[in-house]
PDB file of N, CA and C in Angstrom:
ATOM      1  N   MET A   1      20.191 -15.353  22.066  1.00  0.00           N
ATOM      2  CA  MET A   1      19.021 -15.836  21.168  1.00  0.00           C
ATOM      3  C   MET A   1      19.416 -14.541  20.380  1.00  0.00           C
ATOM      4  N   TYR A   2      19.062 -14.657  19.123  1.00  0.00           N
ATOM      5  CA  TYR A   2      18.872 -13.152  18.682  1.00  0.00           C
ATOM      6  C   TYR A   2      17.543 -13.625  17.726  1.00  0.00           C
ATOM      7  N   VAL A   3      16.822 -12.893  17.241  1.00  0.00           N
ATOM      8  CA  VAL A   3      15.436 -13.395  16.346  1.00  0.00           C
ATOM      9  C   VAL A   3      15.478 -11.961  15.226  1.00  0.00           C
ATOM     10  N   LEU A   4      15.881 -12.345  14.358  1.00  0.00           N
ATOM     11  CA  LEU A   4      15.620 -11.568  13.348  1.00  0.00           C
ATOM     12  C   LEU A   4      14.064 -11.757  12.122  1.00  0.00           C
ATOM     13  N   LEU A   5      13.645 -10.681  11.367  1.00  0.00           N
ATOM     14  CA  LEU A   5      12.304 -10.770  10.731  1.00  0.00           C
ATOM     15  C   LEU A   5      12.917 -10.908   9.470  1.00  0.00           C
ATOM     16  N   SER A   6      14.325 -11.112   8.908  1.00  0.00           N
ATOM     17  CA  SER A   6      14.563 -11.610   7.518  1.00  0.00           C
ATOM     18  C   SER A   6      16.247 -12.121   7.662  1.00  0.00           C
ATOM     19  N   ASP A   7      16.189 -13.030   7.025  1.00  0.00           N
ATOM     20  CA  ASP A   7      17.672 -13.349   6.994  1.00  0.00           C
ATOM     21  C   ASP A   7      18.866 -12.876   6.385  1.00  0.00           C
ATOM     22  N   SER A   8      18.490 -11.499   5.616  1.00  0.00           N
ATOM     23  CA  SER A   8      18.992 -10.814   4.853  1.00  0.00           C
ATOM     24  C   SER A   8      19.933  -9.666   6.006  1.00  0.00           C
ATOM     25  N   PHE A   9      19.338  -9.900   7.372  1.00  0.00           N
ATOM     26  CA  PHE A   9      19.840  -9.012   8.621  1.00  0.00           C
ATOM     27  C   PHE A   9      21.051  -9.438   8.919  1.00  0.00           C
ATOM     28  N   ARG A  10      21.302 -11.133   8.707  1.00  0.00           N
ATOM     29  CA  ARG A  10      22.645 -11.637   9.483  1.00  0.00           C
ATOM     30  C   ARG A  10      23.650 -10.862   9.353  1.00  0.00           C
ATOM     31  N   LEU A  11      24.072 -10.415   8.370  1.00  0.00           N
ATOM     32  CA  LEU A  11      25.419  -9.699   8.191  1.00  0.00           C
ATOM     33  C   LEU A  11      25.456  -8.448   8.980  1.00  0.00           C
ATOM     34  N   GLU A  12      24.586  -7.851   9.058  1.00  0.00           N
ATOM     35  CA  GLU A  12      24.338  -6.795   9.717  1.00  0.00           C
ATOM     36  C   GLU A  12      24.479  -6.867  11.440  1.00  0.00           C
ATOM     37  N   LEU A  13      23.950  -8.289  11.419  1.00  0.00           N
ATOM     38  CA  LEU A  13      24.175  -8.385  13.180  1.00  0.00           C
ATOM     39  C   LEU A  13      25.483  -9.148  13.259  1.00  0.00           C
ATOM     40  N   LYS A  14      25.722  -9.819  12.529  1.00  0.00           N
ATOM     41  CA  LYS A  14      26.957 -10.518  12.571  1.00  0.00           C
ATOM     42  C   LYS A  14      28.169  -9.061  12.955  1.00  0.00           C
ATOM     43  N   ALA A  15      28.232  -8.320  11.865  1.00  0.00           N
ATOM     44  CA  ALA A  15      29.085  -6.779  12.050  1.00  0.00           C
ATOM     45  C   ALA A  15      28.996  -6.749  13.751  1.00  0.00           C
ATOM     46  N   LEU A  16      27.937  -6.427  14.508  1.00  0.00           N
ATOM     47  CA  LEU A  16      27.414  -5.837  15.598  1.00  0.00           C
ATOM     48  C   LEU A  16      28.003  -6.955  17.189  1.00  0.00           C
ATOM     49  N   VAL A  17      27.727  -8.256  16.526  1.00  0.00           N
ATOM     50  CA  VAL A  17      27.569  -9.088  17.858  1.00  0.00           C
ATOM     51  C   VAL A  17      29.296  -9.398  17.870  1.00  0.00           C
ATOM     52  N   ARG A  18      29.832  -8.867  19.033  1.00  0.00           N
ATOM     53  CA  ARG A  18      31.207  -9.667  18.819  1.00  0.00           C
ATOM     54  C   ARG A  18      31.659 -11.043  19.063  1.00  0.00           C
ATOM     55  N   LYS A  19      30.714 -11.938  19.980  1.00  0.00           N
ATOM     56  CA  LYS A  19      30.224 -13.209  19.985  1.00  0.00           C
ATOM     57  C   LYS A  19      29.550 -14.192  18.780  1.00  0.00           C
ATOM     58  N   TRP A  20      30.027 -14.796  17.541  1.00  0.00           N
ATOM     59  CA  TRP A  20      28.953 -14.716  16.811  1.00  0.00           C
ATOM     60  C   TRP A  20      28.798 -16.009  16.838  1.00  0.00           C
ATOM     61  N   GLU A  21      27.539 -16.807  16.882  1.00  0.00           N
ATOM     62  CA  GLU A  21      27.269 -18.069  17.097  1.00  0.00           C
ATOM     63  C   GLU A  21      25.390 -18.168  16.151  1.00  0.00           C
ATOM     64  N   GLU A  22      25.804 -19.124  15.033  1.00  0.00           N
ATOM     65  CA  GLU A  22      25.026 -18.955  13.955  1.00  0.00           C
ATOM     66  C   GLU A  22      23.876 -19.819  14.443  1.00  0.00           C
ATOM     67  N   ASP A  23      23.799 -20.557  15.567  1.00  0.00           N
ATOM     68  CA  ASP A  23      23.026 -21.416  16.443  1.00  0.00           C
ATOM     69  C   ASP A  23      22.192 -20.655  16.820  1.00  0.00           C
ATOM     70  N   LYS A  24      22.531 -19.589  17.275  1.00  0.00           N
ATOM     71  CA  LYS A  24      21.728 -18.558  18.888  1.00  0.00           C
ATOM     72  C   LYS A  24      20.531 -17.729  17.286  1.00  0.00           C
ATOM     73  N   VAL A  25      20.949 -17.761  16.005  1.00  0.00           N
ATOM     74  CA  VAL A  25      20.025 -16.731  15.400  1.00  0.00           C
ATOM     75  C   VAL A  25      18.897 -17.369  14.781  1.00  0.00           C
ATOM     76  N   ILE A  26      17.975 -16.754  14.852  1.00  0.00           N
ATOM     77  CA  ILE A  26      16.793 -17.306  14.340  1.00  0.00           C
ATOM     78  C   ILE A  26      16.169 -15.968  13.225  1.00  0.00           C
ATOM     79  N   ALA A  27      15.624 -16.506  12.306  1.00  0.00           N
ATOM     80  CA  ALA A  27      14.976 -15.355  11.004  1.00  0.00           C
ATOM     81  C   ALA A  27      13.781 -15.973  10.859  1.00  0.00           C
ATOM     82  N   ILE A  28      12.598 -15.342  11.157  1.00  0.00           N
ATOM     83  CA  ILE A  28      11.318 -15.623  10.862  1.00  0.00           C
ATOM     84  C   ILE A  28      10.752 -14.853   9.759  1.00  0.00           C
ATOM     85  N   THR A  29      10.523 -15.454   9.092  1.00  0.00           N
ATOM     86  CA  THR A  29      10.083 -15.090   7.307  1.00  0.00           C
ATOM     87  C   THR A  29       8.590 -14.844   7.754  1.00  0.00           C
ATOM     88  N   ASN A  30       8.337 -13.803   6.372  1.00  0.00           N
ATOM     89  CA  ASN A  30       6.795 -13.816   6.103  1.00  0.00           C
ATOM     90  C   ASN A  30       6.152 -14.739   5.680  1.00  0.00           C
ATOM     91  N   PRO A  31       5.534 -15.215   6.437  1.00  0.00           N
ATOM     92  CA  PRO A  31       4.824 -16.582   5.530  1.00  0.00           C
ATOM     93  C   PRO A  31       3.552 -15.848   4.205  1.00  0.00           C
ATOM     94  N   LEU A  32       3.571 -14.848   3.971  1.00  0.00           N
ATOM     95  CA  LEU A  32       2.840 -14.431   3.180  1.00  0.00           C
ATOM     96  C   LEU A  32       3.678 -13.986   1.764  1.00  0.00           C
ATOM     97  N   THR A  33       3.244 -14.683   0.688  1.00  0.00           N
ATOM     98  CA  THR A  33       4.045 -14.232  -0.691  1.00  0.00           C
ATOM     99  C   THR A  33       2.712 -13.580  -1.591  1.00  0.00           C
ATOM    100  N   ILE A  34       3.148 -12.103  -1.733  1.00  0.00           N
ATOM    101  CA  ILE A  34       2.281 -11.547  -2.690  1.00  0.00           C
ATOM    102  C   ILE A  34       3.152 -11.564  -4.013  1.00  0.00           C
ATOM    103  N   SER A  35       2.494 -12.054  -4.955  1.00  0.00           N
ATOM    104  CA  SER A  35       3.089 -11.651  -6.090  1.00  0.00           C
ATOM    105  C   SER A  35       2.991 -10.190  -6.730  1.00  0.00           C
ATOM    106  N   LYS A  36       3.641 -10.110  -7.894  1.00  0.00           N
ATOM    107  CA  LYS A  36       3.238  -8.590  -8.235  1.00  0.00           C
ATOM    108  C   LYS A  36       2.411  -8.622  -9.773  1.00  0.00           C
ATOM    109  N   PRO A  37       1.766  -7.923  -9.290  1.00  0.00           N
ATOM    110  CA  PRO A  37       0.285  -8.078 -10.545  1.00  0.00           C
ATOM    111  C   PRO A  37       1.053  -7.616 -12.061  1.00  0.00           C
ATOM    112  N   LYS A  38       0.376  -8.705 -12.867  1.00  0.00           N
ATOM    113  CA  LYS A  38       0.794  -8.206 -14.272  1.00  0.00           C
ATOM    114  C   LYS A  38       0.324  -6.850 -14.813  1.00  0.00           C
ATOM    115  N   VAL A  39       1.129  -6.642 -15.698  1.00  0.00           N
ATOM    116  CA  VAL A  39       0.925  -4.873 -16.114  1.00  0.00           C
ATOM    117  C   VAL A  39      -0.136  -4.761 -16.678  1.00  0.00           C
ATOM    118  N   ASP A  40      -1.014  -6.052 -17.476  1.00  0.00           N
ATOM    119  CA  ASP A  40      -2.223  -5.604 -18.073  1.00  0.00           C
ATOM    120  C   ASP A  40      -3.417  -5.200 -17.224  1.00  0.00           C
ATOM    121  N   SER A  41      -3.318  -6.211 -15.713  1.00  0.00           N
ATOM    122  CA  SER A  41      -4.579  -6.119 -14.946  1.00  0.00           C
ATOM    123  C   SER A  41      -4.133  -4.474 -14.087  1.00  0.00           C
ATOM    124  N   VAL A  42      -3.019  -3.722 -14.165  1.00  0.00           N
ATOM    125  CA  VAL A  42      -3.227  -2.659 -13.866  1.00  0.00           C
ATOM    126  C   VAL A  42      -3.777  -1.589 -14.591  1.00  0.00           C
ATOM    127  N   TYR A  43      -4.003  -1.725 -16.224  1.00  0.00           N
ATOM    128  CA  TYR A  43      -4.419  -1.054 -16.674  1.00  0.00           C
ATOM    129  C   TYR A  43      -6.349  -1.331 -17.201  1.00  0.00           C
ATOM    130  N   ALA A  44      -6.153  -2.620 -16.103  1.00  0.00           N
ATOM    131  CA  ALA A  44      -7.735  -3.204 -16.433  1.00  0.00           C
ATOM    132  C   ALA A  44      -8.420  -2.889 -15.352  1.00  0.00           C
ATOM    133  N   LYS A  45      -8.564  -2.080 -14.201  1.00  0.00           N
ATOM    134  CA  LYS A  45      -9.047  -2.048 -13.151  1.00  0.00           C
ATOM    135  C   LYS A  45      -9.711  -0.399 -13.439  1.00  0.00           C
ATOM    136  N   LYS A  46     -10.713  -0.804 -12.627  1.00  0.00           N
ATOM    137  CA  LYS A  46     -11.286   0.588 -12.921  1.00  0.00           C
ATOM    138  C   LYS A  46     -10.968   1.488 -12.226  1.00  0.00           C
ATOM    139  N   LYS A  47     -11.697   2.657 -12.735  1.00  0.00           N
ATOM    140  CA  LYS A  47     -11.161   4.347 -12.845  1.00  0.00           C
ATOM    141  C   LYS A  47     -11.939   4.944 -11.760  1.00  0.00           C
ATOM    142  N   GLN A  48     -11.650   5.364 -10.080  1.00  0.00           N
ATOM    143  CA  GLN A  48     -12.661   5.380  -9.208  1.00  0.00           C
ATOM    144  C   GLN A  48     -12.174   6.119  -8.407  1.00  0.00           C
ATOM    145  N   ILE A  49     -12.654   7.458  -8.031  1.00  0.00           N
ATOM    146  CA  ILE A  49     -12.441   8.400  -6.675  1.00  0.00           C
ATOM    147  C   ILE A  49     -13.227   7.779  -6.087  1.00  0.00           C
ATOM    148  N   LEU A  50     -12.553   7.645  -4.949  1.00  0.00           N
ATOM    149  CA  LEU A  50     -13.243   7.475  -3.497  1.00  0.00           C
ATOM    150  C   LEU A  50     -13.363   8.549  -2.746  1.00  0.00           C
ATOM    151  N   PHE A  51     -14.595   8.956  -1.954  1.00  0.00           N
ATOM    152  CA  PHE A  51     -14.561   9.797  -0.759  1.00  0.00           C
ATOM    153  C   PHE A  51     -14.677   9.498   0.412  1.00  0.00           C
ATOM    154  N   VAL A  52     -14.177   9.456   1.838  1.00  0.00           N
ATOM    155  CA  VAL A  52     -14.186   9.139   2.731  1.00  0.00           C
ATOM    156  C   VAL A  52     -13.726   9.965   3.857  1.00  0.00           C
ATOM    157  N   GLY A  53     -14.924  10.026   4.744  1.00  0.00           N
ATOM    158  CA  GLY A  53     -15.241  10.821   5.640  1.00  0.00           C
ATOM    159  C   GLY A  53     -16.610  11.213   6.246  1.00  0.00           C
ATOM    160  N   ARG A  54     -16.643  11.923   7.536  1.00  0.00           N
ATOM    161  CA  ARG A  54     -18.113  12.326   7.392  1.00  0.00           C
ATOM    162  C   ARG A  54     -18.571  13.059   6.391  1.00  0.00           C
ATOM    163  N   LEU A  55     -19.888  13.000   6.335  1.00  0.00           N
ATOM    164  CA  LEU A  55     -20.633  13.919   5.821  1.00  0.00           C
ATOM    165  C   LEU A  55     -21.180  15.071   6.825  1.00  0.00           C
ATOM    166  N   THR A  56     -19.968  15.979   6.453  1.00  0.00           N
ATOM    167  CA  THR A  56     -20.512  17.116   7.252  1.00  0.00           C
ATOM    168  C   THR A  56     -19.967  17.779   6.078  1.00  0.00           C
ATOM    169  N   ASN A  57     -20.279  19.290   6.424  1.00  0.00           N
ATOM    170  CA  ASN A  57     -20.037  20.483   5.473  1.00  0.00           C
ATOM    171  C   ASN A  57     -18.585  20.624   6.401  1.00  0.00           C
ATOM    172  N   GLN A  58     -18.126  20.515   6.953  1.00  0.00           N
ATOM    173  CA  GLN A  58     -16.530  20.631   7.661  1.00  0.00           C
ATOM    174  C   GLN A  58     -15.459  19.657   6.508  1.00  0.00           C
ATOM    175  N   LYS A  59     -15.855  19.000   6.252  1.00  0.00           N
ATOM    176  CA  LYS A  59     -15.160  17.472   5.086  1.00  0.00           C
ATOM    177  C   LYS A  59     -15.049  18.611   3.873  1.00  0.00           C
ATOM    178  N   GLY A  60     -16.169  19.328   3.328  1.00  0.00           N
ATOM    179  CA  GLY A  60     -15.907  19.913   1.871  1.00  0.00           C
ATOM    180  C   GLY A  60     -16.462  18.936   0.851  1.00  0.00           C
ATOM    181  N   LEU A  61     -17.765  18.500   1.200  1.00  0.00           N
ATOM    182  CA  LEU A  61     -18.622  17.435   0.354  1.00  0.00           C
ATOM    183  C   LEU A  61     -19.136  18.565  -0.434  1.00  0.00           C
ATOM    184  N   ASN A  62     -19.567  19.502  -0.083  1.00  0.00           N
ATOM    185  CA  ASN A  62     -20.975  20.600  -1.048  1.00  0.00           C
ATOM    186  C   ASN A  62     -19.460  21.275  -2.306  1.00  0.00           C
ATOM    187  N   PHE A  63     -17.858  21.032  -2.194  1.00  0.00           N
ATOM    188  CA  PHE A  63     -17.360  21.539  -3.197  1.00  0.00           C
ATOM    189  C   PHE A  63     -16.808  20.222  -3.864  1.00  0.00           C
ATOM    190  N   LEU A  64     -17.036  18.689  -3.548  1.00  0.00           N
ATOM    191  CA  LEU A  64     -16.886  17.899  -4.166  1.00  0.00           C
ATOM    192  C   LEU A  64     -17.560  17.589  -5.096  1.00  0.00           C
ATOM    193  N   LEU A  65     -19.116  17.631  -4.644  1.00  0.00           N
ATOM    194  CA  LEU A  65     -20.328  17.481  -6.523  1.00  0.00           C
ATOM    195  C   LEU A  65     -20.054  18.244  -7.532  1.00  0.00           C
ATOM    196  N   PRO A  66     -19.827  19.616  -7.364  1.00  0.00           N
ATOM    197  CA  PRO A  66     -19.600  20.548  -8.453  1.00  0.00           C
ATOM    198  C   PRO A  66     -18.215  20.360  -8.996  1.00  0.00           C
ATOM    199  N   ILE A  67     -17.573  20.519  -8.296  1.00  0.00           N
ATOM    200  CA  ILE A  67     -16.042  19.320  -9.039  1.00  0.00           C
ATOM    201  C   ILE A  67     -15.877  18.460  -9.978  1.00  0.00           C
ATOM    202  N   TRP A  68     -16.543  17.317  -9.063  1.00  0.00           N
ATOM    203  CA  TRP A  68     -17.176  16.129  -9.846  1.00  0.00           C
ATOM    204  C   TRP A  68     -18.373  16.333 -11.100  1.00  0.00           C
ATOM    205  N   GLU A  69     -18.864  16.951 -10.903  1.00  0.00           N
ATOM    206  CA  GLU A  69     -19.320  17.559 -12.309  1.00  0.00           C
ATOM    207  C   GLU A  69     -18.608  17.883 -13.622  1.00  0.00           C
ATOM    208  N   GLU A  70     -17.391  18.872 -13.326  1.00  0.00           N
ATOM    209  CA  GLU A  70     -16.568  19.317 -14.429  1.00  0.00           C
ATOM    210  C   GLU A  70     -15.621  18.606 -14.695  1.00  0.00           C
ATOM    211  N   PHE A  71     -15.370  17.639 -13.835  1.00  0.00           N
ATOM    212  CA  PHE A  71     -14.457  17.033 -14.077  1.00  0.00           C
ATOM    213  C   PHE A  71     -14.917  15.674 -15.142  1.00  0.00           C
ATOM    214  N   THR A  72     -16.155  15.254 -15.245  1.00  0.00           N
ATOM    215  CA  THR A  72     -16.693  14.130 -15.738  1.00  0.00           C
ATOM    216  C   THR A  72     -17.460  14.905 -17.005  1.00  0.00           C
ATOM    217  N   LYS A  73     -17.361  15.984 -17.222  1.00  0.00           N
ATOM    218  CA  LYS A  73     -17.933  16.608 -18.543  1.00  0.00           C
ATOM    219  C   LYS A  73     -16.171  16.632 -19.316  1.00  0.00           C
ATOM    220  N   CYS A  74     -15.231  17.267 -18.562  1.00  0.00           N
ATOM    221  CA  CYS A  74     -13.595  17.354 -19.166  1.00  0.00           C
ATOM    222  C   CYS A  74     -13.171  15.477 -19.698  1.00  0.00           C
ATOM    223  N   ASN A  75     -13.300  15.022 -19.061  1.00  0.00           N
ATOM    224  CA  ASN A  75     -12.905  13.278 -19.195  1.00  0.00           C
ATOM    225  C   ASN A  75     -13.741  12.548 -20.071  1.00  0.00           C
ATOM    226  N   GLN A  76     -13.560  12.118 -21.062  1.00  0.00           N
ATOM    227  CA  GLN A  76     -14.316  10.905 -21.954  1.00  0.00           C
ATOM    228  C   GLN A  76     -14.090   9.451 -21.430  1.00  0.00           C
ATOM    229  N   MET A  77     -12.817   9.316 -20.320  1.00  0.00           N
ATOM    230  CA  MET A  77     -12.811   8.083 -19.816  1.00  0.00           C
ATOM    231  C   MET A  77     -13.802   7.478 -18.575  1.00  0.00           C
ATOM    232  N   ASN A  78     -14.128   6.280 -18.633  1.00  0.00           N
ATOM    233  CA  ASN A  78     -15.112   6.193 -17.677  1.00  0.00           C
ATOM    234  C   ASN A  78     -14.822   5.944 -16.231  1.00  0.00           C
ATOM    235  N   TRP A  79     -14.763   7.106 -15.554  1.00  0.00           N
ATOM    236  CA  TRP A  79     -14.872   7.208 -13.804  1.00  0.00           C
ATOM    237  C   TRP A  79     -15.720   7.146 -13.318  1.00  0.00           C
ATOM    238  N   GLY A  80     -15.707   6.276 -12.391  1.00  0.00           N
ATOM    239  CA  GLY A  80     -16.897   6.405 -10.944  1.00  0.00           C
ATOM    240  C   GLY A  80     -16.387   6.999  -9.912  1.00  0.00           C
ATOM    241  N   GLY A  81     -17.848   7.455  -8.659  1.00  0.00           N
ATOM    242  CA  GLY A  81     -17.349   7.992  -7.834  1.00  0.00           C
ATOM    243  C   GLY A  81     -18.301   7.171  -6.899  1.00  0.00           C
ATOM    244  N   ILE A  82     -17.272   6.826  -6.349  1.00  0.00           N
ATOM    245  CA  ILE A  82     -17.974   6.259  -4.923  1.00  0.00           C
ATOM    246  C   ILE A  82     -18.011   7.196  -3.435  1.00  0.00           C
ATOM    247  N   ILE A  83     -19.322   7.494  -2.572  1.00  0.00           N
ATOM    248  CA  ILE A  83     -18.972   8.550  -1.550  1.00  0.00           C
ATOM    249  C   ILE A  83     -19.454   7.549  -0.342  1.00  0.00           C
TER     250      ILE A  83
END
């Protein structure tokens, strides 16, 4: 018995297996289908910068705030920051 993650692997498996038995091959497909986002929806998203980490000097947060201030002066777009 062979279990594949996709039907697209059948040809590869067939080339590797000497005695091919179609009834002994099962493909488990992904039950989730994700549609591609519309191009317009990508541009409609908010522009945000996200800081993730411990709030310690080791992470350099003390550099982030002055850089953020300069960034917002130079950029006229509506950017948001999340700490």
